[in-house]
Amino acid sequence: MYYAYKYRLKPSDAHREELDRHRDICRQLYNHTRYRLNEYQDEHGELPSMTTLRSELPDLKKWWDGLSDV
């Protein structure tokens, strides 16, 4: 039999703010990646490979300070 344990988090206000900040950064990165996918598809007529998208991350981390925190 498989048991799935559930735990309730009760973060402090400081931890809650940090979790919200991380969630916001992940949301912004997701939206940026969707934008880049659409932009690339409009220019080239096809979707880029995952390698192409992953190769942009190091430059994006240098440009966007908060991204390396996540």
N, C-alpha and C. Protein backbone atom coordinates (compact mmCIF):
# COMPACT_ATOMS: atom_id res chain seq x y z
N MET A 1 0.84 -1.16 0.00
CA MET A 1 0.00 0.00 0.00
C MET A 1 0.89 1.24 0.00
N TYR A 2 0.47 2.24 -0.75
CA TYR A 2 1.24 3.47 -0.89
C TYR A 2 0.65 4.54 0.01
N TYR A 3 1.47 5.15 0.81
CA TYR A 3 1.03 6.24 1.68
C TYR A 3 1.67 7.53 1.21
N ALA A 4 0.87 8.56 1.12
CA ALA A 4 1.38 9.88 0.75
C ALA A 4 1.23 10.79 1.96
N TYR A 5 2.33 11.22 2.48
CA TYR A 5 2.31 12.10 3.64
C TYR A 5 2.17 13.54 3.19
N LYS A 6 1.37 14.30 3.92
CA LYS A 6 1.19 15.71 3.64
C LYS A 6 1.63 16.50 4.85
N TYR A 7 2.33 17.57 4.58
CA TYR A 7 2.82 18.43 5.65
C TYR A 7 2.35 19.85 5.39
N ARG A 8 1.92 20.51 6.40
CA ARG A 8 1.48 21.89 6.28
C ARG A 8 2.63 22.80 6.66
N LEU A 9 2.92 23.74 5.79
CA LEU A 9 3.97 24.71 6.07
C LEU A 9 3.37 25.90 6.80
N LYS A 10 4.06 26.36 7.78
CA LYS A 10 3.66 27.58 8.47
C LYS A 10 4.86 28.52 8.51
N PRO A 11 5.16 29.12 7.35
CA PRO A 11 6.35 29.98 7.29
C PRO A 11 6.12 31.29 8.04
N SER A 12 7.20 31.84 8.51
CA SER A 12 7.14 33.16 9.13
C SER A 12 6.89 34.20 8.04
N ASP A 13 6.65 35.41 8.44
CA ASP A 13 6.40 36.46 7.45
C ASP A 13 7.61 36.69 6.54
N ALA A 14 8.80 36.60 7.10
CA ALA A 14 10.01 36.78 6.29
C ALA A 14 10.16 35.65 5.27
N HIS A 15 9.91 34.41 5.71
CA HIS A 15 9.99 33.28 4.78
C HIS A 15 8.90 33.36 3.72
N ARG A 16 7.72 33.79 4.12
CA ARG A 16 6.62 33.92 3.16
C ARG A 16 6.97 34.94 2.08
N GLU A 17 7.57 36.05 2.46
CA GLU A 17 7.97 37.05 1.48
C GLU A 17 9.03 36.50 0.53
N GLU A 18 9.97 35.72 1.07
CA GLU A 18 11.02 35.13 0.22
C GLU A 18 10.42 34.10 -0.74
N LEU A 19 9.49 33.29 -0.26
CA LEU A 19 8.82 32.32 -1.13
C LEU A 19 8.02 33.02 -2.22
N ASP A 20 7.35 34.11 -1.87
CA ASP A 20 6.60 34.88 -2.86
C ASP A 20 7.54 35.49 -3.90
N ARG A 21 8.70 35.96 -3.45
CA ARG A 21 9.68 36.53 -4.38
C ARG A 21 10.19 35.47 -5.35
N HIS A 22 10.47 34.29 -4.84
CA HIS A 22 10.94 33.20 -5.70
C HIS A 22 9.86 32.79 -6.70
N ARG A 23 8.63 32.71 -6.23
CA ARG A 23 7.52 32.35 -7.13
C ARG A 23 7.37 33.40 -8.21
N ASP A 24 7.52 34.68 -7.86
CA ASP A 24 7.39 35.75 -8.83
C ASP A 24 8.51 35.68 -9.87
N ILE A 25 9.73 35.39 -9.44
CA ILE A 25 10.85 35.27 -10.37
C ILE A 25 10.61 34.09 -11.33
N CYS A 26 10.14 32.98 -10.81
CA CYS A 26 9.85 31.82 -11.68
C CYS A 26 8.75 32.14 -12.67
N ARG A 27 7.75 32.90 -12.24
CA ARG A 27 6.66 33.30 -13.13
C ARG A 27 7.20 34.19 -14.24
N GLN A 28 8.05 35.15 -13.88
CA GLN A 28 8.61 36.05 -14.88
C GLN A 28 9.50 35.30 -15.87
N LEU A 29 10.27 34.32 -15.38
CA LEU A 29 11.12 33.53 -16.27
C LEU A 29 10.27 32.70 -17.23
N TYR A 30 9.19 32.12 -16.72
CA TYR A 30 8.28 31.35 -17.57
C TYR A 30 7.69 32.24 -18.67
N ASN A 31 7.22 33.42 -18.29
CA ASN A 31 6.64 34.34 -19.28
C ASN A 31 7.69 34.81 -20.29
N HIS A 32 8.91 35.05 -19.83
CA HIS A 32 9.97 35.45 -20.74
C HIS A 32 10.29 34.34 -21.73
N THR A 33 10.33 33.10 -21.26
CA THR A 33 10.61 31.97 -22.14
C THR A 33 9.50 31.79 -23.16
N ARG A 34 8.24 31.95 -22.73
CA ARG A 34 7.13 31.87 -23.69
C ARG A 34 7.25 32.95 -24.75
N TYR A 35 7.62 34.16 -24.32
CA TYR A 35 7.82 35.26 -25.26
C TYR A 35 8.92 34.93 -26.26
N ARG A 36 10.04 34.40 -25.77
CA ARG A 36 11.16 34.04 -26.66
C ARG A 36 10.76 32.93 -27.63
N LEU A 37 9.97 31.96 -27.16
CA LEU A 37 9.50 30.90 -28.05
C LEU A 37 8.67 31.47 -29.19
N ASN A 38 7.75 32.35 -28.86
CA ASN A 38 6.91 32.97 -29.90
C ASN A 38 7.73 33.84 -30.83
N GLU A 39 8.67 34.58 -30.28
CA GLU A 39 9.53 35.44 -31.09
C GLU A 39 10.37 34.60 -32.06
N TYR A 40 10.97 33.53 -31.56
CA TYR A 40 11.80 32.66 -32.38
C TYR A 40 10.97 32.00 -33.49
N GLN A 41 9.76 31.59 -33.12
CA GLN A 41 8.91 30.92 -34.10
C GLN A 41 8.49 31.89 -35.21
N ASP A 42 8.23 33.14 -34.85
CA ASP A 42 7.87 34.13 -35.88
C ASP A 42 9.04 34.40 -36.83
N GLU A 43 10.26 34.42 -36.29
CA GLU A 43 11.43 34.71 -37.11
C GLU A 43 11.86 33.53 -37.98
N HIS A 44 11.82 32.31 -37.41
CA HIS A 44 12.37 31.14 -38.10
C HIS A 44 11.32 30.15 -38.61
N GLY A 45 10.08 30.31 -38.20
CA GLY A 45 9.03 29.42 -38.68
C GLY A 45 8.99 28.08 -37.98
N GLU A 46 9.80 27.89 -36.95
CA GLU A 46 9.80 26.64 -36.20
C GLU A 46 10.19 26.93 -34.75
N LEU A 47 9.94 25.97 -33.89
CA LEU A 47 10.30 26.15 -32.49
C LEU A 47 11.78 25.86 -32.27
N PRO A 48 12.41 26.57 -31.34
CA PRO A 48 13.83 26.30 -31.08
C PRO A 48 14.00 25.02 -30.27
N SER A 49 15.19 24.48 -30.31
CA SER A 49 15.47 23.29 -29.51
C SER A 49 15.67 23.70 -28.05
N MET A 50 15.59 22.74 -27.16
CA MET A 50 15.82 23.01 -25.74
C MET A 50 17.25 23.50 -25.52
N THR A 51 18.19 23.00 -26.31
CA THR A 51 19.57 23.43 -26.18
C THR A 51 19.71 24.91 -26.47
N THR A 52 18.98 25.40 -27.45
CA THR A 52 19.01 26.82 -27.79
C THR A 52 18.49 27.66 -26.63
N LEU A 53 17.39 27.23 -26.04
CA LEU A 53 16.83 27.98 -24.91
C LEU A 53 17.73 27.91 -23.69
N ARG A 54 18.29 26.76 -23.42
CA ARG A 54 19.17 26.61 -22.26
C ARG A 54 20.45 27.41 -22.42
N SER A 55 20.89 27.59 -23.65
CA SER A 55 22.13 28.35 -23.86
C SER A 55 21.94 29.83 -23.53
N GLU A 56 20.70 30.31 -23.48
CA GLU A 56 20.44 31.70 -23.13
C GLU A 56 20.46 31.94 -21.63
N LEU A 57 20.32 30.91 -20.82
CA LEU A 57 20.22 31.08 -19.38
C LEU A 57 21.45 31.73 -18.72
N PRO A 58 22.68 31.33 -19.05
CA PRO A 58 23.82 31.99 -18.40
C PRO A 58 23.86 33.50 -18.64
N ASP A 59 23.58 33.93 -19.86
CA ASP A 59 23.55 35.37 -20.14
C ASP A 59 22.40 36.05 -19.42
N LEU A 60 21.28 35.35 -19.33
CA LEU A 60 20.12 35.90 -18.63
C LEU A 60 20.39 36.03 -17.14
N LYS A 61 21.13 35.08 -16.56
CA LYS A 61 21.49 35.16 -15.14
C LYS A 61 22.42 36.34 -14.86
N LYS A 62 23.32 36.63 -15.80
CA LYS A 62 24.22 37.78 -15.62
C LYS A 62 23.44 39.09 -15.70
N TRP A 63 22.46 39.14 -16.58
CA TRP A 63 21.68 40.35 -16.78
C TRP A 63 20.66 40.55 -15.66
N TRP A 64 20.06 39.46 -15.19
CA TRP A 64 18.98 39.51 -14.20
C TRP A 64 19.50 38.98 -12.87
N ASP A 65 19.80 39.86 -11.95
CA ASP A 65 20.43 39.48 -10.68
C ASP A 65 19.60 38.52 -9.85
N GLY A 66 18.30 38.69 -9.78
CA GLY A 66 17.45 37.86 -8.94
C GLY A 66 17.32 36.43 -9.41
N LEU A 67 17.59 36.18 -10.69
CA LEU A 67 17.43 34.84 -11.23
C LEU A 67 18.41 33.84 -10.64
N SER A 68 19.61 34.26 -10.34
CA SER A 68 20.59 33.35 -9.77
C SER A 68 20.28 33.00 -8.33
N ASP A 69 19.42 33.78 -7.66
CA ASP A 69 19.01 33.45 -6.29
C ASP A 69 18.10 32.24 -6.24
N VAL A 70 17.31 32.08 -7.27
CA VAL A 70 16.37 30.96 -7.31
C VAL A 70 17.14 29.71 -7.66
